[in-house]
C-alpha atoms as a PDB file:
ATOM      1  CA  MET A   1       0.000   0.000   0.000  1.00  0.00           C
ATOM      2  CA  LYS A   2       1.411   3.362  -1.021  1.00  0.00           C
ATOM      3  CA  VAL A   3       0.897   6.381   1.227  1.00  0.00           C
ATOM      4  CA  LEU A   4       2.393   9.829   1.264  1.00  0.00           C
ATOM      5  CA  HIS A   5       3.997  11.111   4.425  1.00  0.00           C
ATOM      6  CA  PRO A   6       2.686  14.605   5.301  1.00  0.00           C
ATOM      7  CA  THR A   7       6.020  16.073   4.160  1.00  0.00           C
ATOM      8  CA  GLU A   8       5.623  14.379   0.772  1.00  0.00           C
ATOM      9  CA  MET A   9       2.050  15.604   0.536  1.00  0.00           C
ATOM     10  CA  ARG A  10       3.266  19.166   1.169  1.00  0.00           C
ATOM     11  CA  GLN A  11       5.906  18.703  -1.572  1.00  0.00           C
ATOM     12  CA  LEU A  12       3.231  17.524  -3.997  1.00  0.00           C
ATOM     13  CA  VAL A  13       0.983  20.501  -3.222  1.00  0.00           C
ATOM     14  CA  ALA A  14       3.930  22.914  -3.437  1.00  0.00           C
ATOM     15  CA  ALA A  15       4.667  21.648  -6.964  1.00  0.00           C
ATOM     16  CA  VAL A  16       1.425  23.213  -8.247  1.00  0.00           C
ATOM     17  CA  ASP A  17       2.116  26.235 -10.450  1.00  0.00           C
ATOM     18  CA  MET A  18      -0.046  28.882  -8.817  1.00  0.00           C
ATOM     19  CA  THR A  19       0.579  31.258 -11.729  1.00  0.00           C
ATOM     20  CA  ASP A  20      -1.247  28.856 -14.060  1.00  0.00           C
ATOM     21  CA  PRO A  21      -4.894  29.898 -14.496  1.00  0.00           C
ATOM     22  CA  PHE A  22      -6.039  26.554 -13.064  1.00  0.00           C
ATOM     23  CA  GLY A  23      -3.254  26.217 -10.475  1.00  0.00           C
ATOM     24  CA  PRO A  24      -5.512  27.242  -7.577  1.00  0.00           C
ATOM     25  CA  ARG A  25      -8.050  24.594  -8.634  1.00  0.00           C
ATOM     26  CA  ASP A  26      -5.378  21.907  -8.847  1.00  0.00           C
ATOM     27  CA  ARG A  27      -4.004  22.804  -5.424  1.00  0.00           C
ATOM     28  CA  ALA A  28      -7.489  22.829  -3.886  1.00  0.00           C
ATOM     29  CA  LEU A  29      -8.308  19.521  -5.594  1.00  0.00           C
ATOM     30  CA  LEU A  30      -5.266  17.843  -4.000  1.00  0.00           C
ATOM     31  CA  VAL A  31      -6.058  19.263  -0.570  1.00  0.00           C
ATOM     32  CA  PHE A  32      -9.732  18.298  -0.825  1.00  0.00           C
ATOM     33  CA  ALA A  33      -8.879  14.755  -1.954  1.00  0.00           C
ATOM     34  CA  PHE A  34      -6.403  14.330   0.914  1.00  0.00           C
ATOM     35  CA  HIS A  35      -8.921  15.575   3.492  1.00  0.00           C
ATOM     36  CA  THR A  36     -11.867  13.485   2.286  1.00  0.00           C
ATOM     37  CA  GLY A  37     -10.407  10.198   1.038  1.00  0.00           C
ATOM     38  CA  LEU A  38     -12.654  10.237  -2.009  1.00  0.00           C
ATOM     39  CA  ARG A  39     -12.060   7.883  -4.896  1.00  0.00           C
ATOM     40  CA  VAL A  40     -11.044   9.814  -8.008  1.00  0.00           C
ATOM     41  CA  SER A  41     -14.297   8.822  -9.739  1.00  0.00           C
ATOM     42  CA  GLU A  42     -16.252  10.244  -6.790  1.00  0.00           C
ATOM     43  CA  LEU A  43     -14.164  13.400  -6.805  1.00  0.00           C
ATOM     44  CA  VAL A  44     -14.759  14.209 -10.477  1.00  0.00           C
ATOM     45  CA  GLY A  45     -18.412  13.183 -10.177  1.00  0.00           C
ATOM     46  CA  LEU A  46     -19.210  15.829  -7.567  1.00  0.00           C
ATOM     47  CA  ASN A  47     -21.560  18.662  -8.402  1.00  0.00           C
ATOM     48  CA  VAL A  48     -21.555  22.026  -6.651  1.00  0.00           C
ATOM     49  CA  CYS A  49     -24.676  21.064  -4.664  1.00  0.00           C
ATOM     50  CA  ASN A  50     -22.792  18.139  -3.097  1.00  0.00           C
ATOM     51  CA  VAL A  51     -20.296  20.463  -1.408  1.00  0.00           C
ATOM     52  CA  ALA A  52     -21.954  23.892  -1.126  1.00  0.00           C
ATOM     53  CA  VAL A  53     -25.269  25.642  -0.610  1.00  0.00           C
ATOM     54  CA  ASN A  54     -25.637  29.175  -1.985  1.00  0.00           C
ATOM     55  CA  GLY A  55     -21.868  29.385  -2.419  1.00  0.00           C
ATOM     56  CA  VAL A  56     -21.135  28.383   1.184  1.00  0.00           C
ATOM     57  CA  PRO A  57     -19.240  25.093   1.733  1.00  0.00           C
ATOM     58  CA  ARG A  58     -21.252  22.426   3.543  1.00  0.00           C
ATOM     59  CA  GLN A  59     -20.241  20.997   6.911  1.00  0.00           C
ATOM     60  CA  ALA A  60     -20.451  17.477   5.480  1.00  0.00           C
ATOM     61  CA  LEU A  61     -20.273  15.878   2.073  1.00  0.00           C
ATOM     62  CA  HIS A  62     -23.009  13.402   1.246  1.00  0.00           C
ATOM     63  CA  VAL A  63     -21.650  10.990  -1.358  1.00  0.00           C
ATOM     64  CA  PRO A  64     -24.785   9.829  -3.200  1.00  0.00           C
ATOM     65  CA  SER A  65     -25.271   6.196  -4.139  1.00  0.00           C
ATOM     66  CA  SER A  66     -24.878   7.162  -7.798  1.00  0.00           C
ATOM     67  CA  LEU A  67     -21.224   8.067  -7.088  1.00  0.00           C
ATOM     68  CA  GLY A  68     -20.273   5.605  -4.358  1.00  0.00           C
ATOM     69  CA  LYS A  69     -18.704   2.296  -5.286  1.00  0.00           C
ATOM     70  CA  GLY A  70     -21.248  -0.509  -5.235  1.00  0.00           C
ATOM     71  CA  GLY A  71     -24.067   2.026  -4.986  1.00  0.00           C
ATOM     72  CA  ARG A  72     -23.212   2.757  -1.347  1.00  0.00           C
ATOM     73  CA  GLU A  73     -23.819   6.267  -0.110  1.00  0.00           C
ATOM     74  CA  ARG A  74     -21.993   7.806   2.818  1.00  0.00           C
ATOM     75  CA  THR A  75     -21.421  11.074   4.622  1.00  0.00           C
ATOM     76  CA  ILE A  76     -17.973  12.563   5.166  1.00  0.00           C
ATOM     77  CA  PRO A  77     -17.620  15.473   7.603  1.00  0.00           C
ATOM     78  CA  LEU A  78     -15.703  18.329   5.964  1.00  0.00           C
ATOM     79  CA  ASN A  79     -13.024  19.818   8.168  1.00  0.00           C
ATOM     80  CA  GLU A  80     -12.028  23.458   7.917  1.00  0.00           C
ATOM     81  CA  THR A  81      -9.270  22.709   5.393  1.00  0.00           C
ATOM     82  CA  ALA A  82     -11.623  20.755   3.118  1.00  0.00           C
ATOM     83  CA  ARG A  83     -14.207  23.551   3.283  1.00  0.00           C
ATOM     84  CA  ALA A  84     -11.518  26.118   2.401  1.00  0.00           C
ATOM     85  CA  ALA A  85     -10.580  23.958  -0.617  1.00  0.00           C
ATOM     86  CA  VAL A  86     -14.224  23.937  -1.750  1.00  0.00           C
ATOM     87  CA  ALA A  87     -14.383  27.728  -1.368  1.00  0.00           C
ATOM     88  CA  ALA A  88     -11.183  28.079  -3.432  1.00  0.00           C
ATOM     89  CA  ILE A  89     -12.576  25.897  -6.233  1.00  0.00           C
ATOM     90  CA  LEU A  90     -15.851  27.816  -6.312  1.00  0.00           C
ATOM     91  CA  ALA A  91     -14.004  31.152  -6.334  1.00  0.00           C
ATOM     92  CA  LEU A  92     -11.865  30.010  -9.259  1.00  0.00           C
ATOM     93  CA  ASN A  93     -14.932  28.780 -11.139  1.00  0.00           C
ATOM     94  CA  ARG A  94     -16.560  32.195 -10.717  1.00  0.00           C
ATOM     95  CA  ARG A  95     -13.408  34.058 -11.831  1.00  0.00           C
ATOM     96  CA  ARG A  96     -13.025  31.856 -14.912  1.00  0.00           C
ATOM     97  CA  GLY A  97     -16.679  32.225 -15.904  1.00  0.00           C
ATOM     98  CA  LEU A  98     -17.492  28.602 -15.105  1.00  0.00           C
ATOM     99  CA  SER A  99     -20.868  27.665 -13.709  1.00  0.00           C
ATOM    100  CA  VAL A 100     -21.387  27.507  -9.963  1.00  0.00           C
ATOM    101  CA  ALA A 101     -25.030  26.454 -10.301  1.00  0.00           C
ATOM    102  CA  PRO A 102     -26.022  23.638  -7.939  1.00  0.00           C
ATOM    103  CA  ASP A 103     -26.098  21.044 -10.739  1.00  0.00           C
ATOM    104  CA  ALA A 104     -22.784  22.181 -12.303  1.00  0.00           C
ATOM    105  CA  PRO A 105     -19.697  19.977 -11.965  1.00  0.00           C
ATOM    106  CA  LEU A 106     -17.459  21.087  -9.115  1.00  0.00           C
ATOM    107  CA  LEU A 107     -14.284  20.380 -11.096  1.00  0.00           C
ATOM    108  CA  GLN A 108     -14.412  21.815 -14.599  1.00  0.00           C
ATOM    109  CA  THR A 109     -12.023  22.276 -17.493  1.00  0.00           C
ATOM    110  CA  LYS A 110     -11.443  25.528 -19.340  1.00  0.00           C
ATOM    111  CA  LYS A 111     -13.983  24.246 -21.882  1.00  0.00           C
ATOM    112  CA  HIS A 112     -16.669  24.227 -19.166  1.00  0.00           C
ATOM    113  CA  GLU A 113     -16.706  20.425 -19.120  1.00  0.00           C
ATOM    114  CA  ARG A 114     -16.485  18.068 -16.152  1.00  0.00           C
ATOM    115  CA  MET A 115     -12.893  17.042 -15.390  1.00  0.00           C
ATOM    116  CA  ASN A 116     -12.407  13.354 -16.027  1.00  0.00           C
ATOM    117  CA  VAL A 117     -10.543  10.700 -14.073  1.00  0.00           C
ATOM    118  CA  ARG A 118      -7.654  10.524 -16.524  1.00  0.00           C
ATOM    119  CA  ALA A 119      -7.071  14.289 -16.339  1.00  0.00           C
ATOM    120  CA  VAL A 120      -6.739  14.096 -12.558  1.00  0.00           C
ATOM    121  CA  GLN A 121      -4.417  11.087 -12.840  1.00  0.00           C
ATOM    122  CA  ARG A 122      -2.182  12.923 -15.338  1.00  0.00           C
ATOM    123  CA  MET A 123      -2.130  16.032 -13.157  1.00  0.00           C
ATOM    124  CA  VAL A 124      -1.044  14.108 -10.053  1.00  0.00           C
ATOM    125  CA  GLU A 125       1.583  12.188 -12.041  1.00  0.00           C
ATOM    126  CA  ALA A 126       3.039  15.424 -13.461  1.00  0.00           C
ATOM    127  CA  LEU A 127       3.133  17.017 -10.001  1.00  0.00           C
ATOM    128  CA  ARG A 128       4.799  13.933  -8.540  1.00  0.00           C
ATOM    129  CA  ASN A 129       7.543  14.185 -11.178  1.00  0.00           C
ATOM    130  CA  LYS A 130       7.914  17.922 -10.636  1.00  0.00           C
ATOM    131  CA  ALA A 131       8.140  17.432  -6.861  1.00  0.00           C
ATOM    132  CA  GLN A 132      10.687  14.638  -7.443  1.00  0.00           C
ATOM    133  CA  LEU A 133       8.977  12.318  -4.988  1.00  0.00           C
ATOM    134  CA  ASP A 134      10.610   8.937  -4.514  1.00  0.00           C
ATOM    135  CA  VAL A 135       7.263   7.224  -4.017  1.00  0.00           C
ATOM    136  CA  PRO A 136       4.468   6.744  -6.531  1.00  0.00           C
ATOM    137  CA  ALA A 137       1.707   9.324  -6.179  1.00  0.00           C
ATOM    138  CA  THR A 138      -1.691   8.831  -7.763  1.00  0.00           C
ATOM    139  CA  PRO A 139      -5.168  10.013  -6.826  1.00  0.00           C
ATOM    140  CA  HIS A 140      -5.612   6.629  -5.116  1.00  0.00           C
ATOM    141  CA  THR A 141      -2.434   7.264  -3.119  1.00  0.00           C
ATOM    142  CA  LEU A 142      -4.165  10.368  -1.726  1.00  0.00           C
ATOM    143  CA  ARG A 143      -7.052   8.134  -0.595  1.00  0.00           C
ATOM    144  CA  HIS A 144      -4.649   5.722   1.111  1.00  0.00           C
ATOM    145  CA  SER A 145      -2.794   8.646   2.685  1.00  0.00           C
ATOM    146  CA  PHE A 146      -6.058  10.036   4.068  1.00  0.00           C
ATOM    147  CA  ALA A 147      -6.937   6.636   5.531  1.00  0.00           C
ATOM    148  CA  SER A 148      -3.529   6.147   7.142  1.00  0.00           C
ATOM    149  CA  HIS A 149      -3.598   9.671   8.550  1.00  0.00           C
ATOM    150  CA  VAL A 150      -7.096   9.235  10.019  1.00  0.00           C
ATOM    151  CA  LEU A 151      -6.098   5.929  11.581  1.00  0.00           C
ATOM    152  CA  SER A 152      -2.907   7.428  13.026  1.00  0.00           C
ATOM    153  CA  CYS A 153      -5.075  10.063  14.738  1.00  0.00           C
ATOM    154  CA  ASN A 154      -6.639   7.252  16.789  1.00  0.00           C
ATOM    155  CA  ALA A 155      -9.826   6.793  14.808  1.00  0.00           C
ATOM    156  CA  ASN A 156     -11.177   3.276  15.033  1.00  0.00           C
ATOM    157  CA  MET A 157     -11.547   0.909  12.123  1.00  0.00           C
ATOM    158  CA  ARG A 158     -15.338   1.270  11.991  1.00  0.00           C
ATOM    159  CA  VAL A 159     -15.007   5.043  11.593  1.00  0.00           C
ATOM    160  CA  LEU A 160     -12.530   4.551   8.769  1.00  0.00           C
ATOM    161  CA  GLN A 161     -14.796   1.960   7.142  1.00  0.00           C
ATOM    162  CA  GLN A 162     -17.653   4.483   7.114  1.00  0.00           C
ATOM    163  CA  LEU A 163     -15.501   7.342   5.806  1.00  0.00           C
ATOM    164  CA  LEU A 164     -14.079   5.282   2.944  1.00  0.00           C
ATOM    165  CA  GLY A 165     -17.354   3.596   2.060  1.00  0.00           C
ATOM    166  CA  HIS A 166     -16.103   0.020   2.340  1.00  0.00           C
ATOM    167  CA  LEU A 167     -18.614  -2.789   2.726  1.00  0.00           C
ATOM    168  CA  ARG A 168     -16.384  -5.038   4.860  1.00  0.00           C
ATOM    169  CA  LEU A 169     -14.309  -4.099   7.869  1.00  0.00           C
ATOM    170  CA  ALA A 170     -11.567  -6.448   6.682  1.00  0.00           C
ATOM    171  CA  THR A 171     -11.000  -4.175   3.676  1.00  0.00           C
ATOM    172  CA  VAL A 172      -9.829  -1.313   5.896  1.00  0.00           C
ATOM    173  CA  GLU A 173      -7.454  -3.485   7.919  1.00  0.00           C
ATOM    174  CA  ILE A 174      -4.728  -2.848   5.343  1.00  0.00           C
ATOM    175  CA  TYR A 175      -4.411   0.651   6.796  1.00  0.00           C
ATOM    176  CA  SER A 176      -3.414  -0.713  10.208  1.00  0.00           C
ATOM    177  CA  HIS A 177      -0.093  -1.913   8.830  1.00  0.00           C
ATOM    178  CA  PRO A 178       3.054   0.054   9.625  1.00  0.00           C
ATOM    179  CA  THR A 179       3.858   3.012   7.401  1.00  0.00           C
ATOM    180  CA  ARG A 180       7.263   3.645   5.830  1.00  0.00           C
ATOM    181  CA  GLU A 181       7.868   6.198   8.580  1.00  0.00           C
ATOM    182  CA  ASP A 182       7.032   3.587  11.268  1.00  0.00           C
ATOM    183  CA  LEU A 183       9.545   1.214   9.669  1.00  0.00           C
ATOM    184  CA  ARG A 184      12.213   3.923   9.354  1.00  0.00           C
ATOM    185  CA  GLN A 185      11.824   4.915  13.013  1.00  0.00           C
ATOM    186  CA  ALA A 186      11.960   1.292  14.163  1.00  0.00           C
ATOM    187  CA  VAL A 187      15.237   0.694  12.316  1.00  0.00           C
ATOM    188  CA  ALA A 188      16.664   3.985  13.595  1.00  0.00           C
ATOM    189  CA  ARG A 189      15.744   3.112  17.209  1.00  0.00           C
ATOM    190  CA  ALA A 190      17.290  -0.351  16.829  1.00  0.00           C
ATOM    191  CA  ALA A 191      20.548   1.191  15.621  1.00  0.00           C
ATOM    192  CA  GLU A 192      20.573   3.666  18.514  1.00  0.00           C
ATOM    193  CA  THR A 193      19.963   0.991  21.153  1.00  0.00           C
ATOM    194  CA  GLY A 194      22.654  -1.515  20.454  1.00  0.00           C
ATOM    195  CA  GLY A 195      23.558  -1.689  16.840  1.00  0.00           C
ATOM    196  CA  ILE A 196      27.166  -2.554  15.982  1.00  0.00           C
ATOM    197  CA  GLN A 197      29.195   0.540  15.114  1.00  0.00           C
END
């Protein structure tokens, strides 16, 4: 399972060219994905009404059954950072003349079309290369990173199961495995406490 350490996530976000007309959207997209754990198909499938009412970000995101894998709906509380990302996307859409109507796609291209999964995958891949990350980074990596981060903040497995929209609890058990940072620290501690010099 591939996850990004928070430092790597910051590197990925910092690689966004904020002078590009859609740079603010791309940055907000990464932040929103990391703070919600959405699948990329769910992310691009969102409409404005899913995340905002009258231009104000919602407190929670209801993922409708039409977007959720296996037709499962779920609710994800939106923290302050996720709500700020929504506000940034809506502000960019307004500035660029893109629709912010309730039924409009949240993530749009310059041609006023819904962003597709492949476009998000290419964007993340390009940013990973620009940031020179040693680990693979994909939209799904952001989902895994969210899950690992939530679990490391002492959330229980049932909470994580609900947030990710998994049918079986066993599916989320993969996130209870040690991270690369856990492994690195364990080896470092072993060297400090009796390794041969």
